[in-house]
Amino acid sequence: MTRLTSRFFPIKRAQDEMMVTLSSPGEDEIGLSCLGAGSIYQASMFPSRTQEKVAYLDLLDLPPAKLDRWKRVFLRYLRELDYRHGKPLVLKSPPHTARVKTLVSMFPEAKFVNIVRDPRVVFSSTLKMWNNLTRMLSLELIGDWNVEDPLIENYRKMHERLREARPLVPAGHFSDVRFEDLVRDPIGEMERIYRELELGGFDEVRPAIEAYFARNREVRGGRYELTPDQKLKVDRGLAEVIEETGYAARG
């Protein structure tokens, strides 16, 4: 498949100007979806079934049979990755923010890194991503599909589920990092995360991390802007999230 599809790469990500190739890290949510597990991302192909797919965001309201299937597919996926690579897995997928309760029950020794960013910027980035994905992937005529209100509701739900799950995570298994701090001092923040999660071996991986950031020093994310009406809607709908994450004064 790589030889057949490599000529279409690199491409820009759906949400910004960053270029990706077939060897770029990807969200495990995409792999799960391809393996048949339910995913909120499938709403980009079937917008009329958005409400059904939203249940896969936090998994808490899924019928037992569907939840068991999701867990089986997830475990199969991780075992295949483990067999292929033979080293600890680092997963990155925004929907996992709402699934910490389930993930802790499945993997009691798992450790979590929560990257926090201004909710207004996250909303704008996610809105751009969903509009682009739906335009590219939708198998339905979507017409005037309202995606803004569901995005705000799902963002609020993710934040609430994370807040509820934090007490369930063992001490020393959770680390918060602000996006702006990571951009400003990536090496220092990575070292802090390694220390807080007691991962060890940072001195060994530091040269590789420094080399990565040196190669990508000029890479910048996309420009995200909201209309006055969108900003007002986000400020009202996510007021509690904005306050708790410390971005209220940034306007």
Protein backbone atom coordinates (compact mmCIF):
# COMPACT_ATOMS: atom_id res chain seq x y z
CA MET A 1 0.00 0.00 0.00
CA THR A 2 2.87 2.38 0.73
CA ARG A 3 4.18 2.16 -2.83
CA LEU A 4 0.71 2.64 -4.26
CA THR A 5 -0.22 5.65 -2.15
CA SER A 6 3.09 7.41 -1.42
CA ARG A 7 2.79 9.62 -4.51
CA PHE A 8 -0.15 11.36 -2.85
CA PHE A 9 2.04 12.47 0.07
CA PRO A 10 3.07 14.70 1.75
CA ILE A 11 -0.23 16.44 2.37
CA LYS A 12 -1.41 19.11 4.77
CA ARG A 13 -3.32 18.08 7.86
CA ALA A 14 -7.03 18.78 7.84
CA GLN A 15 -6.79 21.32 10.66
CA ASP A 16 -3.62 23.29 9.85
CA GLU A 17 -0.64 23.76 7.53
CA MET A 18 1.55 21.00 8.94
CA MET A 19 2.68 18.44 6.38
CA VAL A 20 2.30 14.70 6.98
CA THR A 21 3.60 11.61 5.23
CA LEU A 22 2.80 7.92 5.47
CA SER A 23 5.47 7.58 8.17
CA SER A 24 4.13 10.43 10.34
CA PRO A 25 2.65 9.46 13.70
CA GLY A 26 -1.13 9.19 13.55
CA GLU A 27 -4.01 9.01 15.99
CA ASP A 28 -4.86 5.51 17.16
CA GLU A 29 -8.52 6.56 16.78
CA ILE A 30 -8.07 6.29 13.01
CA GLY A 31 -6.73 2.76 13.31
CA LEU A 32 -9.57 1.79 15.64
CA SER A 33 -12.12 3.14 13.19
CA CYS A 34 -10.53 1.25 10.30
CA LEU A 35 -10.71 -1.96 12.35
CA GLY A 36 -14.46 -1.54 12.83
CA ALA A 37 -14.64 -0.03 16.30
CA GLY A 38 -17.18 2.74 16.71
CA SER A 39 -15.69 6.23 16.65
CA ILE A 40 -16.96 9.78 16.78
CA TYR A 41 -14.74 10.44 13.76
CA GLN A 42 -17.11 8.29 11.67
CA ALA A 43 -19.58 11.17 11.86
CA SER A 44 -17.48 12.88 9.18
CA MET A 45 -18.63 10.16 6.77
CA PHE A 46 -22.21 9.93 8.05
CA PRO A 47 -23.21 13.32 9.51
CA SER A 48 -26.82 12.19 9.95
CA ARG A 49 -25.58 9.59 12.47
CA THR A 50 -23.59 12.08 14.56
CA GLN A 51 -25.67 11.51 17.69
CA GLU A 52 -25.10 7.76 17.48
CA LYS A 53 -21.35 8.18 17.07
CA VAL A 54 -21.08 10.71 19.92
CA ALA A 55 -21.70 7.82 22.31
CA TYR A 56 -18.23 6.55 21.41
CA LEU A 57 -16.62 9.73 22.73
CA ASP A 58 -16.73 8.82 26.43
CA LEU A 59 -18.07 5.23 26.06
CA LEU A 60 -20.09 5.59 29.27
CA ASP A 61 -23.55 5.35 27.69
CA LEU A 62 -22.78 2.54 25.27
CA PRO A 63 -24.81 -0.66 25.61
CA PRO A 64 -22.66 -3.39 27.23
CA ALA A 65 -22.36 -5.38 23.98
CA LYS A 66 -21.05 -2.38 22.04
CA LEU A 67 -18.67 -1.40 24.84
CA ASP A 68 -17.29 -4.96 24.97
CA ARG A 69 -16.76 -4.92 21.22
CA TRP A 70 -14.94 -1.58 21.41
CA LYS A 71 -12.66 -2.94 24.14
CA ARG A 72 -11.92 -6.12 22.17
CA VAL A 73 -11.00 -4.20 19.03
CA PHE A 74 -8.87 -1.76 21.05
CA LEU A 75 -6.97 -4.58 22.76
CA ARG A 76 -6.44 -6.38 19.47
CA TYR A 77 -5.09 -3.19 17.93
CA LEU A 78 -2.67 -2.57 20.82
CA ARG A 79 -1.46 -6.17 20.80
CA GLU A 80 -0.73 -5.97 17.08
CA LEU A 81 1.23 -2.76 17.62
CA ASP A 82 3.08 -4.29 20.56
CA TYR A 83 3.96 -7.38 18.50
CA ARG A 84 5.19 -5.22 15.62
CA HIS A 85 7.25 -2.73 17.61
CA GLY A 86 8.04 -4.53 20.85
CA LYS A 87 8.26 -1.43 23.04
CA PRO A 88 5.97 0.66 25.25
CA LEU A 89 3.17 2.30 23.29
CA VAL A 90 2.50 6.03 23.28
CA LEU A 91 -1.07 6.74 22.19
CA LYS A 92 -2.33 10.15 21.15
CA SER A 93 -5.97 10.74 20.39
CA PRO A 94 -8.15 13.64 21.63
CA PRO A 95 -11.22 11.42 22.29
CA HIS A 96 -9.19 9.56 24.94
CA THR A 97 -9.55 12.72 27.06
CA ALA A 98 -13.14 11.65 27.72
CA ARG A 99 -12.25 7.96 28.22
CA VAL A 100 -9.78 8.08 31.07
CA LYS A 101 -12.21 6.27 33.39
CA THR A 102 -12.46 3.33 30.98
CA LEU A 103 -8.76 3.38 30.12
CA VAL A 104 -7.73 3.26 33.79
CA SER A 105 -9.99 0.27 34.35
CA MET A 106 -8.43 -1.51 31.35
CA PHE A 107 -4.83 -0.44 32.00
CA PRO A 108 -4.27 0.35 35.71
CA GLU A 109 -0.58 1.11 35.14
CA ALA A 110 -1.17 3.53 32.23
CA LYS A 111 0.23 7.04 32.50
CA PHE A 112 -1.39 10.13 31.03
CA VAL A 113 -0.21 13.45 29.63
CA ASN A 114 -2.89 16.11 29.26
CA ILE A 115 -1.99 18.97 26.91
CA VAL A 116 -4.09 22.07 27.64
CA ARG A 117 -4.65 24.85 25.12
CA ASP A 118 -6.92 27.88 24.87
CA PRO A 119 -10.42 26.40 24.25
CA ARG A 120 -11.11 29.11 21.68
CA VAL A 121 -8.13 28.00 19.60
CA VAL A 122 -9.00 24.33 20.06
CA PHE A 123 -12.57 25.01 18.91
CA SER A 124 -11.40 26.92 15.85
CA SER A 125 -8.89 24.21 14.93
CA THR A 126 -11.43 21.43 15.43
CA LEU A 127 -14.09 23.29 13.45
CA LYS A 128 -11.68 23.64 10.54
CA MET A 129 -10.76 19.97 10.76
CA TRP A 130 -14.38 18.78 10.81
CA ASN A 131 -15.39 21.00 7.91
CA ASN A 132 -12.45 19.74 5.83
CA LEU A 133 -12.95 16.08 6.77
CA THR A 134 -16.67 16.20 6.05
CA ARG A 135 -16.08 17.85 2.69
CA MET A 136 -13.55 15.15 1.78
CA LEU A 137 -15.14 12.06 3.33
CA SER A 138 -18.89 12.49 3.67
CA LEU A 139 -20.96 9.84 1.93
CA GLU A 140 -24.13 11.90 2.37
CA LEU A 141 -25.41 15.22 1.09
CA ILE A 142 -24.96 17.28 4.22
CA GLY A 143 -26.63 20.58 3.32
CA ASP A 144 -26.57 23.07 6.20
CA TRP A 145 -25.04 20.74 8.77
CA ASN A 146 -24.60 22.51 12.11
CA VAL A 147 -21.30 21.32 13.53
CA GLU A 148 -20.54 24.23 15.87
CA ASP A 149 -23.05 23.39 18.61
CA PRO A 150 -22.08 19.66 18.77
CA LEU A 151 -18.40 20.63 18.94
CA ILE A 152 -18.99 22.89 21.92
CA GLU A 153 -21.09 20.27 23.68
CA ASN A 154 -18.52 17.52 23.04
CA TYR A 155 -15.65 19.73 24.20
CA ARG A 156 -17.53 20.44 27.44
CA LYS A 157 -18.26 16.72 27.87
CA MET A 158 -14.59 15.81 27.38
CA HIS A 159 -13.55 18.31 30.05
CA GLU A 160 -16.18 17.07 32.49
CA ARG A 161 -15.27 13.42 31.98
CA LEU A 162 -11.60 14.18 32.53
CA ARG A 163 -12.39 16.07 35.73
CA GLU A 164 -14.45 13.13 37.00
CA ALA A 165 -11.73 10.60 36.14
CA ARG A 166 -8.71 12.38 37.61
CA PRO A 167 -9.22 10.98 41.15
CA LEU A 168 -9.15 7.45 39.68
CA VAL A 169 -5.64 7.85 38.25
CA PRO A 170 -2.89 6.68 40.64
CA ALA A 171 -0.53 9.31 42.02
CA GLY A 172 2.39 9.97 39.71
CA HIS A 173 0.49 8.73 36.64
CA PHE A 174 -0.85 12.06 35.37
CA SER A 175 0.96 15.13 34.05
CA ASP A 176 -0.52 18.38 32.74
CA VAL A 177 1.32 20.57 30.24
CA ARG A 178 0.25 23.86 28.69
CA PHE A 179 0.62 24.01 24.94
CA GLU A 180 2.25 27.44 25.09
CA ASP A 181 4.88 26.18 27.56
CA LEU A 182 5.62 23.18 25.36
CA VAL A 183 6.18 25.44 22.34
CA ARG A 184 8.30 27.90 24.36
CA ASP A 185 10.50 25.31 26.09
CA PRO A 186 9.95 21.86 24.56
CA ILE A 187 13.04 20.23 26.08
CA GLY A 188 12.35 21.58 29.55
CA GLU A 189 8.71 20.53 29.44
CA MET A 190 9.54 17.06 28.13
CA GLU A 191 12.10 16.63 30.90
CA ARG A 192 9.50 17.70 33.48
CA ILE A 193 6.96 15.20 32.10
CA TYR A 194 9.53 12.38 32.25
CA ARG A 195 10.31 13.34 35.83
CA GLU A 196 6.69 13.67 37.00
CA LEU A 197 5.68 10.34 35.46
CA GLU A 198 8.91 8.65 36.62
CA LEU A 199 9.62 7.40 33.11
CA GLY A 200 13.39 7.53 33.58
CA GLY A 201 16.05 7.58 30.89
CA PHE A 202 15.54 11.17 29.75
CA ASP A 203 19.27 11.72 29.31
CA GLU A 204 19.28 8.84 26.83
CA VAL A 205 16.44 10.20 24.70
CA ARG A 206 17.29 13.89 25.05
CA PRO A 207 19.56 13.99 21.93
CA ALA A 208 16.79 12.51 19.78
CA ILE A 209 14.23 14.96 21.18
CA GLU A 210 16.57 17.90 20.61
CA ALA A 211 17.25 16.72 17.05
CA TYR A 212 13.53 16.45 16.35
CA PHE A 213 12.80 19.98 17.52
CA ALA A 214 15.83 21.30 15.65
CA ARG A 215 14.47 19.79 12.42
CA ASN A 216 11.03 21.24 13.05
CA ARG A 217 12.01 24.61 14.48
CA GLU A 218 10.34 26.51 11.64
CA VAL A 219 7.15 24.45 11.59
CA ARG A 220 4.13 26.45 12.62
CA GLY A 221 0.54 25.45 13.15
CA GLY A 222 -2.37 26.96 11.31
CA ARG A 223 -3.96 30.36 11.87
CA TYR A 224 -7.25 30.06 13.70
CA GLU A 225 -9.78 32.85 13.74
CA LEU A 226 -13.36 33.05 14.96
CA THR A 227 -16.11 35.39 13.83
CA PRO A 228 -17.55 37.61 16.57
CA ASP A 229 -20.64 35.39 16.72
CA GLN A 230 -18.55 32.22 17.00
CA LYS A 231 -16.38 33.75 19.71
CA LEU A 232 -19.46 34.76 21.69
CA LYS A 233 -20.92 31.27 21.31
CA VAL A 234 -17.68 29.66 22.51
CA ASP A 235 -17.23 32.07 25.41
CA ARG A 236 -20.75 31.30 26.61
CA GLY A 237 -20.80 27.57 25.89
CA LEU A 238 -17.33 26.88 27.29
CA ALA A 239 -17.22 29.52 30.04
CA GLU A 240 -16.53 26.97 32.76
CA VAL A 241 -13.82 25.22 30.75
CA ILE A 242 -12.14 28.52 29.88
CA GLU A 243 -12.17 29.53 33.55
CA GLU A 244 -10.84 26.22 34.87
CA THR A 245 -8.04 26.02 32.31
CA GLY A 246 -6.87 29.56 33.09
CA TYR A 247 -7.57 31.21 29.76
CA ALA A 248 -10.35 33.57 30.89
CA ALA A 249 -8.10 36.65 30.92
CA ARG A 250 -6.85 36.03 27.38
CA GLY A 251 -10.12 37.09 25.76
